[in-house]
Protein backbone atom coordinates (compact mmCIF):
# COMPACT_ATOMS: atom_id res chain seq x y z
CA MET A 1 7.28 11.03 0.96
CA ILE A 2 8.10 7.75 -0.08
CA HIS A 3 7.33 5.00 1.81
CA LEU A 4 9.13 2.54 1.18
CA TYR A 5 7.18 -0.63 3.64
CA ALA A 6 4.25 0.52 1.76
CA LYS A 7 2.94 -2.48 -1.12
CA PRO A 8 4.35 -1.24 -4.38
CA GLY A 9 2.92 0.04 -7.03
CA LYS A 10 3.16 -2.75 -10.29
CA ALA A 11 5.78 -0.33 -13.32
CA ASN A 12 6.10 -1.62 -16.79
CA ALA A 13 9.80 0.11 -17.98
CA ASP A 14 11.71 -0.75 -21.44
CA VAL A 15 15.79 -0.79 -21.58
CA ARG A 16 17.86 -1.54 -24.65
CA ALA A 17 21.98 -1.51 -24.14
CA LEU A 18 24.41 -0.46 -26.54
CA SER A 19 26.26 -4.14 -26.04
CA TYR A 20 25.38 -7.40 -24.26
CA CYS A 21 25.09 -6.80 -19.90
CA ASP A 22 24.05 -8.34 -16.79
CA LEU A 23 20.60 -7.57 -15.56
CA HIS A 24 20.85 -8.01 -11.33
CA THR A 25 17.63 -7.82 -9.38
CA ILE A 26 17.52 -7.18 -5.84
CA HIS A 27 13.84 -8.22 -4.75
CA ARG A 28 11.89 -5.96 -2.93
CA GLU A 29 11.55 -8.04 0.28
CA ASP A 30 16.31 -9.09 0.86
CA LEU A 31 16.28 -4.95 0.43
CA LEU A 32 14.20 -4.15 3.34
CA GLU A 33 16.58 -6.62 5.01
CA VAL A 34 19.37 -4.54 3.81
CA LEU A 35 18.21 -1.71 5.38
CA ASP A 36 17.31 -3.37 8.31
CA MET A 37 20.36 -4.83 9.92
CA TYR A 38 22.25 -1.22 8.33
CA PRO A 39 19.69 1.83 9.96
CA GLU A 40 22.91 4.87 8.59
CA PHE A 41 22.52 3.34 5.20
CA SER A 42 18.80 2.57 5.31
CA ASP A 43 19.19 7.18 5.86
CA TYR A 44 21.66 8.03 2.77
CA PHE A 45 19.47 4.97 0.84
CA LEU A 46 16.47 6.51 0.75
CA SER A 47 17.21 10.37 0.78
CA ASN A 48 18.70 9.49 -2.66
CA LEU A 49 15.72 7.71 -3.74
CA GLU A 50 13.32 10.55 -2.41
CA LEU A 51 15.94 13.04 -4.49
CA THR A 52 16.01 10.72 -7.60
CA PHE A 53 11.73 10.69 -6.97
CA ASN A 54 11.61 14.36 -7.01
CA LEU A 55 14.05 15.12 -9.93
CA ARG A 56 12.08 12.75 -11.89
CA ASP A 57 9.07 14.69 -10.51
CA GLU A 58 10.16 17.73 -11.78
CA ASN A 59 10.98 16.39 -14.71
CA ALA A 60 7.51 15.06 -15.71
CA LYS A 61 5.39 18.77 -15.53
């Protein structure tokens, strides 16, 4: 289970684009505020996030 409200660890990633692109960020606090305001979306978002993490774990094996 993913604990969205737990303090996150630090992550590092490299990204390459084939052409010019815009990079947008969502601050964690802002995301948590939106998820609190829209509980139905929160359930959907967290289930997709958990699926993504599970797929990543399966590929690492």
